[in-house]
PDB file of N, CA and C in Angstrom:
ATOM      1  N   MET A   1       1.088  -1.116  -0.096  1.00  0.00           N
ATOM      2  CA  MET A   1      -0.161  -0.129  -0.063  1.00  0.00           C
ATOM      3  C   MET A   1       0.804   1.140   0.091  1.00  0.00           C
ATOM      4  N   SER A   2       0.877   2.376  -0.635  1.00  0.00           N
ATOM      5  CA  SER A   2       1.268   3.198  -0.783  1.00  0.00           C
ATOM      6  C   SER A   2       0.875   4.496  -0.046  1.00  0.00           C
ATOM      7  N   ALA A   3       2.124   5.423   0.493  1.00  0.00           N
ATOM      8  CA  ALA A   3       1.475   6.361   1.222  1.00  0.00           C
ATOM      9  C   ALA A   3       0.798   7.508   0.989  1.00  0.00           C
ATOM     10  N   GLY A   4       1.024   7.800  -0.249  1.00  0.00           N
ATOM     11  CA  GLY A   4       0.378   8.687  -1.493  1.00  0.00           C
ATOM     12  C   GLY A   4       0.848   8.581  -2.725  1.00  0.00           C
ATOM     13  N   PRO A   5       0.405   9.733  -3.562  1.00  0.00           N
ATOM     14  CA  PRO A   5       0.784   9.639  -4.881  1.00  0.00           C
ATOM     15  C   PRO A   5       2.322  10.154  -5.042  1.00  0.00           C
ATOM     16  N   ARG A   6       2.848   9.338  -6.194  1.00  0.00           N
ATOM     17  CA  ARG A   6       4.466  10.086  -6.867  1.00  0.00           C
ATOM     18  C   ARG A   6       4.350  11.363  -6.846  1.00  0.00           C
ATOM     19  N   PHE A   7       3.531  12.077  -7.829  1.00  0.00           N
ATOM     20  CA  PHE A   7       3.563  12.972  -8.160  1.00  0.00           C
ATOM     21  C   PHE A   7       2.316  14.146  -7.739  1.00  0.00           C
ATOM     22  N   LEU A   8       2.582  15.276  -7.755  1.00  0.00           N
ATOM     23  CA  LEU A   8       1.866  16.342  -7.301  1.00  0.00           C
ATOM     24  C   LEU A   8       1.514  17.149  -8.347  1.00  0.00           C
ATOM     25  N   THR A   9       0.366  17.873  -8.025  1.00  0.00           N
ATOM     26  CA  THR A   9       0.159  19.445  -8.974  1.00  0.00           C
ATOM     27  C   THR A   9       0.280  20.097  -8.036  1.00  0.00           C
ATOM     28  N   LEU A  10       0.602  21.412  -8.806  1.00  0.00           N
ATOM     29  CA  LEU A  10       1.234  22.679  -8.477  1.00  0.00           C
ATOM     30  C   LEU A  10       0.427  23.106  -7.444  1.00  0.00           C
ATOM     31  N   ALA A  11      -0.862  22.889  -7.330  1.00  0.00           N
ATOM     32  CA  ALA A  11      -2.008  23.202  -6.519  1.00  0.00           C
ATOM     33  C   ALA A  11      -2.059  22.089  -5.223  1.00  0.00           C
ATOM     34  N   ASP A  12      -1.681  20.862  -5.394  1.00  0.00           N
ATOM     35  CA  ASP A  12      -1.520  20.212  -4.154  1.00  0.00           C
ATOM     36  C   ASP A  12       0.035  20.817  -3.350  1.00  0.00           C
ATOM     37  N   VAL A  13       1.084  20.834  -4.154  1.00  0.00           N
ATOM     38  CA  VAL A  13       2.186  21.403  -3.427  1.00  0.00           C
ATOM     39  C   VAL A  13       1.725  22.570  -3.123  1.00  0.00           C
ATOM     40  N   ALA A  14       1.032  23.751  -3.360  1.00  0.00           N
ATOM     41  CA  ALA A  14       0.954  24.981  -2.699  1.00  0.00           C
ATOM     42  C   ALA A  14      -0.018  24.342  -1.297  1.00  0.00           C
ATOM     43  N   GLU A  15      -0.815  23.764  -1.376  1.00  0.00           N
ATOM     44  CA  GLU A  15      -1.452  23.400  -0.031  1.00  0.00           C
ATOM     45  C   GLU A  15      -0.589  22.635   1.086  1.00  0.00           C
ATOM     46  N   VAL A  16       0.225  21.649   0.769  1.00  0.00           N
ATOM     47  CA  VAL A  16       1.276  21.297   1.572  1.00  0.00           C
ATOM     48  C   VAL A  16       2.087  22.331   2.184  1.00  0.00           C
ATOM     49  N   LEU A  17       2.573  23.290   0.983  1.00  0.00           N
ATOM     50  CA  LEU A  17       3.878  24.448   1.770  1.00  0.00           C
ATOM     51  C   LEU A  17       2.507  25.606   2.338  1.00  0.00           C
ATOM     52  N   ASN A  18       1.188  25.267   2.404  1.00  0.00           N
ATOM     53  CA  ASN A  18       0.589  26.711   2.805  1.00  0.00           C
ATOM     54  C   ASN A  18       0.755  27.760   2.093  1.00  0.00           C
ATOM     55  N   THR A  19       1.039  27.762   1.043  1.00  0.00           N
ATOM     56  CA  THR A  19       1.273  28.847  -0.043  1.00  0.00           C
ATOM     57  C   THR A  19       0.321  29.576  -1.064  1.00  0.00           C
ATOM     58  N   SER A  20       0.732  30.267  -2.262  1.00  0.00           N
ATOM     59  CA  SER A  20      -0.135  30.267  -2.783  1.00  0.00           C
ATOM     60  C   SER A  20       0.062  29.526  -4.606  1.00  0.00           C
ATOM     61  N   LEU A  21      -0.774  29.219  -5.268  1.00  0.00           N
ATOM     62  CA  LEU A  21      -0.612  28.414  -6.454  1.00  0.00           C
ATOM     63  C   LEU A  21       0.617  29.346  -7.156  1.00  0.00           C
ATOM     64  N   ALA A  22       0.259  30.743  -7.112  1.00  0.00           N
ATOM     65  CA  ALA A  22       1.377  31.909  -7.952  1.00  0.00           C
ATOM     66  C   ALA A  22       2.847  31.593  -7.536  1.00  0.00           C
ATOM     67  N   GLN A  23       2.797  31.437  -5.951  1.00  0.00           N
ATOM     68  CA  GLN A  23       4.070  31.255  -5.263  1.00  0.00           C
ATOM     69  C   GLN A  23       4.682  30.009  -5.718  1.00  0.00           C
ATOM     70  N   VAL A  24       4.161  28.945  -5.874  1.00  0.00           N
ATOM     71  CA  VAL A  24       4.722  27.509  -6.263  1.00  0.00           C
ATOM     72  C   VAL A  24       5.184  27.791  -7.539  1.00  0.00           C
ATOM     73  N   THR A  25       4.458  28.224  -8.536  1.00  0.00           N
ATOM     74  CA  THR A  25       4.937  28.489  -9.793  1.00  0.00           C
ATOM     75  C   THR A  25       5.911  29.327  -9.894  1.00  0.00           C
ATOM     76  N   ALA A  26       6.024  30.372  -9.433  1.00  0.00           N
ATOM     77  CA  ALA A  26       7.221  30.970  -9.400  1.00  0.00           C
ATOM     78  C   ALA A  26       8.653  30.139  -9.240  1.00  0.00           C
ATOM     79  N   LEU A  27       8.356  29.208  -7.918  1.00  0.00           N
ATOM     80  CA  LEU A  27       9.592  28.621  -7.303  1.00  0.00           C
ATOM     81  C   LEU A  27       9.902  27.785  -8.257  1.00  0.00           C
ATOM     82  N   VAL A  28       9.040  27.174  -9.137  1.00  0.00           N
ATOM     83  CA  VAL A  28       9.108  26.097 -10.213  1.00  0.00           C
ATOM     84  C   VAL A  28       9.708  26.877 -11.080  1.00  0.00           C
ATOM     85  N   ARG A  29       9.312  28.005 -11.840  1.00  0.00           N
ATOM     86  CA  ARG A  29       9.899  28.846 -12.910  1.00  0.00           C
ATOM     87  C   ARG A  29      11.230  29.298 -12.511  1.00  0.00           C
ATOM     88  N   ARG A  30      11.752  29.586 -11.605  1.00  0.00           N
ATOM     89  CA  ARG A  30      13.006  29.584 -10.943  1.00  0.00           C
ATOM     90  C   ARG A  30      14.084  28.701 -10.665  1.00  0.00           C
ATOM     91  N   GLY A  31      13.505  27.629 -10.650  1.00  0.00           N
ATOM     92  CA  GLY A  31      14.399  26.168 -10.847  1.00  0.00           C
ATOM     93  C   GLY A  31      14.443  26.216  -9.418  1.00  0.00           C
ATOM     94  N   GLU A  32      13.825  26.633  -8.444  1.00  0.00           N
ATOM     95  CA  GLU A  32      14.178  26.341  -7.014  1.00  0.00           C
ATOM     96  C   GLU A  32      13.149  25.213  -6.466  1.00  0.00           C
ATOM     97  N   LEU A  33      12.345  24.749  -7.421  1.00  0.00           N
ATOM     98  CA  LEU A  33      11.842  23.739  -6.949  1.00  0.00           C
ATOM     99  C   LEU A  33      11.658  22.775  -8.281  1.00  0.00           C
ATOM    100  N   ARG A  34      11.963  21.561  -8.242  1.00  0.00           N
ATOM    101  CA  ARG A  34      12.237  20.788  -9.539  1.00  0.00           C
ATOM    102  C   ARG A  34      10.900  20.162  -9.720  1.00  0.00           C
ATOM    103  N   ALA A  35      10.593  20.691 -11.242  1.00  0.00           N
ATOM    104  CA  ALA A  35       9.104  19.903 -11.472  1.00  0.00           C
ATOM    105  C   ALA A  35       9.296  19.460 -13.075  1.00  0.00           C
ATOM    106  N   LEU A  36       8.578  18.747 -13.628  1.00  0.00           N
ATOM    107  CA  LEU A  36       8.397  18.389 -14.776  1.00  0.00           C
ATOM    108  C   LEU A  36       6.885  18.719 -15.533  1.00  0.00           C
ATOM    109  N   LYS A  37       6.981  19.194 -16.809  1.00  0.00           N
ATOM    110  CA  LYS A  37       5.605  19.514 -17.652  1.00  0.00           C
ATOM    111  C   LYS A  37       5.246  18.160 -18.536  1.00  0.00           C
ATOM    112  N   LEU A  38       3.999  17.839 -18.282  1.00  0.00           N
ATOM    113  CA  LEU A  38       3.524  16.607 -18.706  1.00  0.00           C
ATOM    114  C   LEU A  38       2.606  17.113 -20.346  1.00  0.00           C
ATOM    115  N   GLY A  39       2.373  16.272 -21.283  1.00  0.00           N
ATOM    116  CA  GLY A  39       1.480  16.420 -22.356  1.00  0.00           C
ATOM    117  C   GLY A  39       1.269  17.388 -23.173  1.00  0.00           C
ATOM    118  N   GLY A  40       0.520  17.966 -23.909  1.00  0.00           N
ATOM    119  CA  GLY A  40       0.534  19.226 -24.788  1.00  0.00           C
ATOM    120  C   GLY A  40       0.110  20.273 -24.467  1.00  0.00           C
ATOM    121  N   ARG A  41      -0.540  20.329 -22.853  1.00  0.00           N
ATOM    122  CA  ARG A  41      -1.228  21.223 -22.328  1.00  0.00           C
ATOM    123  C   ARG A  41      -0.259  21.901 -21.260  1.00  0.00           C
ATOM    124  N   GLY A  42       0.823  21.085 -21.165  1.00  0.00           N
ATOM    125  CA  GLY A  42       1.904  21.508 -20.078  1.00  0.00           C
ATOM    126  C   GLY A  42       1.558  21.512 -18.802  1.00  0.00           C
ATOM    127  N   GLN A  43       0.961  20.501 -18.283  1.00  0.00           N
ATOM    128  CA  GLN A  43       0.520  20.318 -17.031  1.00  0.00           C
ATOM    129  C   GLN A  43       1.786  20.210 -16.130  1.00  0.00           C
ATOM    130  N   TRP A  44       2.079  20.483 -14.937  1.00  0.00           N
ATOM    131  CA  TRP A  44       2.943  20.847 -14.008  1.00  0.00           C
ATOM    132  C   TRP A  44       3.019  19.649 -13.220  1.00  0.00           C
ATOM    133  N   ARG A  45       4.231  18.858 -13.071  1.00  0.00           N
ATOM    134  CA  ARG A  45       4.057  17.996 -12.043  1.00  0.00           C
ATOM    135  C   ARG A  45       5.163  17.853 -10.774  1.00  0.00           C
ATOM    136  N   VAL A  46       5.323  17.764  -9.626  1.00  0.00           N
ATOM    137  CA  VAL A  46       6.363  17.843  -8.710  1.00  0.00           C
ATOM    138  C   VAL A  46       6.190  16.245  -7.943  1.00  0.00           C
ATOM    139  N   GLU A  47       7.229  15.929  -8.062  1.00  0.00           N
ATOM    140  CA  GLU A  47       7.552  14.143  -7.447  1.00  0.00           C
ATOM    141  C   GLU A  47       7.598  14.834  -5.714  1.00  0.00           C
ATOM    142  N   THR A  48       7.077  13.755  -5.320  1.00  0.00           N
ATOM    143  CA  THR A  48       6.787  13.759  -3.869  1.00  0.00           C
ATOM    144  C   THR A  48       8.486  13.968  -3.227  1.00  0.00           C
ATOM    145  N   SER A  49       9.573  12.941  -3.759  1.00  0.00           N
ATOM    146  CA  SER A  49      10.801  12.990  -3.432  1.00  0.00           C
ATOM    147  C   SER A  49      11.423  14.703  -3.665  1.00  0.00           C
ATOM    148  N   GLU A  50      11.212  15.369  -4.642  1.00  0.00           N
ATOM    149  CA  GLU A  50      11.476  16.403  -4.898  1.00  0.00           C
ATOM    150  C   GLU A  50      11.074  17.678  -4.128  1.00  0.00           C
ATOM    151  N   LEU A  51       9.564  17.573  -3.560  1.00  0.00           N
ATOM    152  CA  LEU A  51       9.341  18.459  -2.707  1.00  0.00           C
ATOM    153  C   LEU A  51      10.030  18.078  -1.197  1.00  0.00           C
ATOM    154  N   GLU A  52      10.082  17.126  -0.988  1.00  0.00           N
ATOM    155  CA  GLU A  52      10.549  16.878   0.430  1.00  0.00           C
ATOM    156  C   GLU A  52      12.444  17.308   0.339  1.00  0.00           C
ATOM    157  N   ALA A  53      12.706  17.332  -0.718  1.00  0.00           N
ATOM    158  CA  ALA A  53      14.141  17.331  -0.913  1.00  0.00           C
ATOM    159  C   ALA A  53      13.912  19.378  -0.758  1.00  0.00           C
ATOM    160  N   PHE A  54      13.341  19.862  -1.209  1.00  0.00           N
ATOM    161  CA  PHE A  54      13.209  21.522  -1.444  1.00  0.00           C
ATOM    162  C   PHE A  54      12.894  21.854   0.160  1.00  0.00           C
ATOM    163  N   ILE A  55      12.038  21.088   0.736  1.00  0.00           N
ATOM    164  CA  ILE A  55      11.766  21.546   1.807  1.00  0.00           C
ATOM    165  C   ILE A  55      12.972  21.464   3.059  1.00  0.00           C
ATOM    166  N   GLU A  56      13.935  20.145   2.741  1.00  0.00           N
ATOM    167  CA  GLU A  56      15.016  19.970   3.662  1.00  0.00           C
ATOM    168  C   GLU A  56      16.130  20.874   3.384  1.00  0.00           C
ATOM    169  N   ARG A  57      15.988  21.586   2.088  1.00  0.00           N
ATOM    170  CA  ARG A  57      17.208  22.783   1.812  1.00  0.00           C
ATOM    171  C   ARG A  57      16.806  24.009   2.564  1.00  0.00           C
ATOM    172  N   MET A  58      15.349  24.361   2.672  1.00  0.00           N
ATOM    173  CA  MET A  58      14.801  25.327   3.125  1.00  0.00           C
ATOM    174  C   MET A  58      15.010  25.550   4.421  1.00  0.00           C
ATOM    175  N   TYR A  59      15.111  24.316   5.333  1.00  0.00           N
ATOM    176  CA  TYR A  59      15.383  24.204   6.300  1.00  0.00           C
ATOM    177  C   TYR A  59      16.852  24.611   6.638  1.00  0.00           C
ATOM    178  N   ALA A  60      17.706  24.119   5.695  1.00  0.00           N
ATOM    179  CA  ALA A  60      19.025  24.041   5.995  1.00  0.00           C
ATOM    180  C   ALA A  60      19.650  25.532   5.466  1.00  0.00           C
ATOM    181  N   GLU A  61      18.662  26.169   4.738  1.00  0.00           N
ATOM    182  CA  GLU A  61      19.316  27.595   4.758  1.00  0.00           C
ATOM    183  C   GLU A  61      18.619  28.505   5.489  1.00  0.00           C
ATOM    184  N   THR A  62      17.697  28.079   6.316  1.00  0.00           N
ATOM    185  CA  THR A  62      17.210  28.712   7.310  1.00  0.00           C
ATOM    186  C   THR A  62      18.230  28.706   8.745  1.00  0.00           C
ATOM    187  N   GLN A  63      18.496  27.297   8.628  1.00  0.00           N
ATOM    188  CA  GLN A  63      19.685  27.249   9.772  1.00  0.00           C
ATOM    189  C   GLN A  63      20.742  28.154   9.788  1.00  0.00           C
ATOM    190  N   GLN A  64      21.094  28.296   8.519  1.00  0.00           N
ATOM    191  CA  GLN A  64      22.455  29.039   8.155  1.00  0.00           C
ATOM    192  C   GLN A  64      22.236  30.447   8.475  1.00  0.00           C
ATOM    193  N   GLN A  65      20.980  30.853   7.762  1.00  0.00           N
ATOM    194  CA  GLN A  65      20.751  32.322   8.143  1.00  0.00           C
ATOM    195  C   GLN A  65      20.513  32.757   9.776  1.00  0.00           C
ATOM    196  N   LEU A  66      20.157  31.809  10.549  1.00  0.00           N
ATOM    197  CA  LEU A  66      19.793  32.025  11.803  1.00  0.00           C
ATOM    198  C   LEU A  66      21.415  32.029  12.307  1.00  0.00           C
ATOM    199  N   ARG A  67      21.939  30.958  12.049  1.00  0.00           N
ATOM    200  CA  ARG A  67      23.353  30.552  12.517  1.00  0.00           C
ATOM    201  C   ARG A  67      24.343  32.469  12.375  1.00  0.00           C
ATOM    202  N   GLN A  68      24.054  32.907  11.131  1.00  0.00           N
ATOM    203  CA  GLN A  68      24.970  33.790  10.468  1.00  0.00           C
ATOM    204  C   GLN A  68      24.430  35.049  11.229  1.00  0.00           C
ATOM    205  N   ALA A  69      22.978  35.141  11.377  1.00  0.00           N
ATOM    206  CA  ALA A  69      22.720  36.388  12.505  1.00  0.00           C
ATOM    207  C   ALA A  69      22.666  36.343  13.730  1.00  0.00           C
ATOM    208  N   ALA A  70      22.933  35.292  14.415  1.00  0.00           N
ATOM    209  CA  ALA A  70      23.406  35.167  15.789  1.00  0.00           C
ATOM    210  C   ALA A  70      24.949  35.301  15.815  1.00  0.00           C
ATOM    211  N   THR A  71      25.535  35.319  14.963  1.00  0.00           N
ATOM    212  CA  THR A  71      27.027  35.626  15.280  1.00  0.00           C
ATOM    213  C   THR A  71      27.371  36.531  14.616  1.00  0.00           C
ATOM    214  N   GLY A  72      26.450  37.396  13.773  1.00  0.00           N
ATOM    215  CA  GLY A  72      26.663  38.407  13.172  1.00  0.00           C
ATOM    216  C   GLY A  72      27.592  38.728  11.757  1.00  0.00           C
ATOM    217  N   GLU A  73      27.689  37.387  11.197  1.00  0.00           N
ATOM    218  CA  GLU A  73      28.634  37.495  10.133  1.00  0.00           C
ATOM    219  C   GLU A  73      27.897  37.617   8.962  1.00  0.00           C
ATOM    220  N   PRO A  74      28.662  38.692   7.801  1.00  0.00           N
ATOM    221  CA  PRO A  74      27.822  38.883   6.610  1.00  0.00           C
ATOM    222  C   PRO A  74      27.679  37.368   6.112  1.00  0.00           C
ATOM    223  N   GLY A  75      26.571  37.096   5.404  1.00  0.00           N
ATOM    224  CA  GLY A  75      26.308  35.951   4.670  1.00  0.00           C
ATOM    225  C   GLY A  75      25.429  36.257   3.259  1.00  0.00           C
ATOM    226  N   ASP A  76      25.275  35.217   2.792  1.00  0.00           N
ATOM    227  CA  ASP A  76      24.572  35.426   1.226  1.00  0.00           C
ATOM    228  C   ASP A  76      22.674  35.884   1.770  1.00  0.00           C
ATOM    229  N   THR A  77      22.310  36.860   1.400  1.00  0.00           N
ATOM    230  CA  THR A  77      20.778  37.179   1.590  1.00  0.00           C
ATOM    231  C   THR A  77      19.562  36.335   1.078  1.00  0.00           C
ATOM    232  N   ALA A  78      20.184  35.843  -0.536  1.00  0.00           N
ATOM    233  CA  ALA A  78      19.505  35.624  -1.232  1.00  0.00           C
ATOM    234  C   ALA A  78      18.532  34.435  -0.649  1.00  0.00           C
ATOM    235  N   GLY A  79      19.082  33.392  -0.063  1.00  0.00           N
ATOM    236  CA  GLY A  79      17.882  32.398   0.812  1.00  0.00           C
ATOM    237  C   GLY A  79      17.012  33.178   1.525  1.00  0.00           C
ATOM    238  N   ALA A  80      17.313  34.721   2.392  1.00  0.00           N
ATOM    239  CA  ALA A  80      16.399  35.298   3.069  1.00  0.00           C
ATOM    240  C   ALA A  80      15.302  35.809   2.388  1.00  0.00           C
ATOM    241  N   THR A  81      15.507  35.998   1.286  1.00  0.00           N
ATOM    242  CA  THR A  81      14.527  36.638   0.174  1.00  0.00           C
ATOM    243  C   THR A  81      13.557  35.533  -0.222  1.00  0.00           C
ATOM    244  N   THR A  82      14.284  34.452  -0.068  1.00  0.00           N
ATOM    245  CA  THR A  82      13.201  33.471  -0.740  1.00  0.00           C
ATOM    246  C   THR A  82      11.811  32.887   0.295  1.00  0.00           C
ATOM    247  N   GLY A  83      12.281  33.425   1.846  1.00  0.00           N
ATOM    248  CA  GLY A  83      11.492  33.262   2.476  1.00  0.00           C
ATOM    249  C   GLY A  83      10.168  34.267   2.634  1.00  0.00           C
ATOM    250  N   GLU A  84      10.985  35.396   2.438  1.00  0.00           N
ATOM    251  CA  GLU A  84      10.237  36.687   2.513  1.00  0.00           C
ATOM    252  C   GLU A  84       9.458  36.763   1.442  1.00  0.00           C
ATOM    253  N   SER A  85       9.737  36.138   0.206  1.00  0.00           N
ATOM    254  CA  SER A  85       9.078  36.137  -0.970  1.00  0.00           C
ATOM    255  C   SER A  85       7.945  35.422  -0.842  1.00  0.00           C
ATOM    256  N   LEU A  86       7.794  34.498   0.077  1.00  0.00           N
ATOM    257  CA  LEU A  86       6.217  33.923  -0.175  1.00  0.00           C
ATOM    258  C   LEU A  86       5.219  34.690  -0.367  1.00  0.00           C
ATOM    259  N   GLY A  87       5.115  35.507   0.729  1.00  0.00           N
ATOM    260  CA  GLY A  87       4.076  36.634   0.732  1.00  0.00           C
ATOM    261  C   GLY A  87       4.157  37.681  -0.757  1.00  0.00           C
ATOM    262  N   GLY A  88       5.210  37.726  -1.242  1.00  0.00           N
ATOM    263  CA  GLY A  88       5.078  39.207  -2.308  1.00  0.00           C
ATOM    264  C   GLY A  88       4.667  38.607  -3.600  1.00  0.00           C
ATOM    265  N   ALA A  89       4.892  37.175  -4.069  1.00  0.00           N
ATOM    266  CA  ALA A  89       4.424  36.650  -5.491  1.00  0.00           C
ATOM    267  C   ALA A  89       3.073  36.317  -5.205  1.00  0.00           C
ATOM    268  N   GLU A  90       2.111  36.346  -4.163  1.00  0.00           N
ATOM    269  CA  GLU A  90       0.772  35.606  -4.461  1.00  0.00           C
ATOM    270  C   GLU A  90       0.016  36.704  -5.083  1.00  0.00           C
ATOM    271  N   GLY A  91      -0.866  36.206  -5.723  1.00  0.00           N
ATOM    272  CA  GLY A  91      -1.625  36.788  -6.429  1.00  0.00           C
ATOM    273  C   GLY A  91      -1.440  37.350  -8.063  1.00  0.00           C
ATOM    274  N   ARG A  92       0.400  36.863  -8.182  1.00  0.00           N
ATOM    275  CA  ARG A  92       0.687  37.420  -9.239  1.00  0.00           C
ATOM    276  C   ARG A  92       0.614  36.088 -10.162  1.00  0.00           C
ATOM    277  N   PRO A  93       0.567  35.954 -11.360  1.00  0.00           N
ATOM    278  CA  PRO A  93       0.633  34.833 -12.449  1.00  0.00           C
ATOM    279  C   PRO A  93       1.762  34.423 -12.342  1.00  0.00           C
TER     280      PRO A  93
END
């Protein structure tokens, strides 16, 4: 018996991440979340293992940002904008 489907729609991913479909679409288009396009209509699907890997990367980036902030180290702020942009892309196509 399977725990769940192997592939998720972008709407499913948005629900798992508790964010908008627009944000998930932006993550895919920027290459931050790996997905594949199927068929002539170009339906996007994200493999559950890719979603889990993305979540783990986000945890690791967040931990690194917290360590840098605690020690006052200058660091790459690109990861910080990823979290901040979760609200910023909502409502955009």
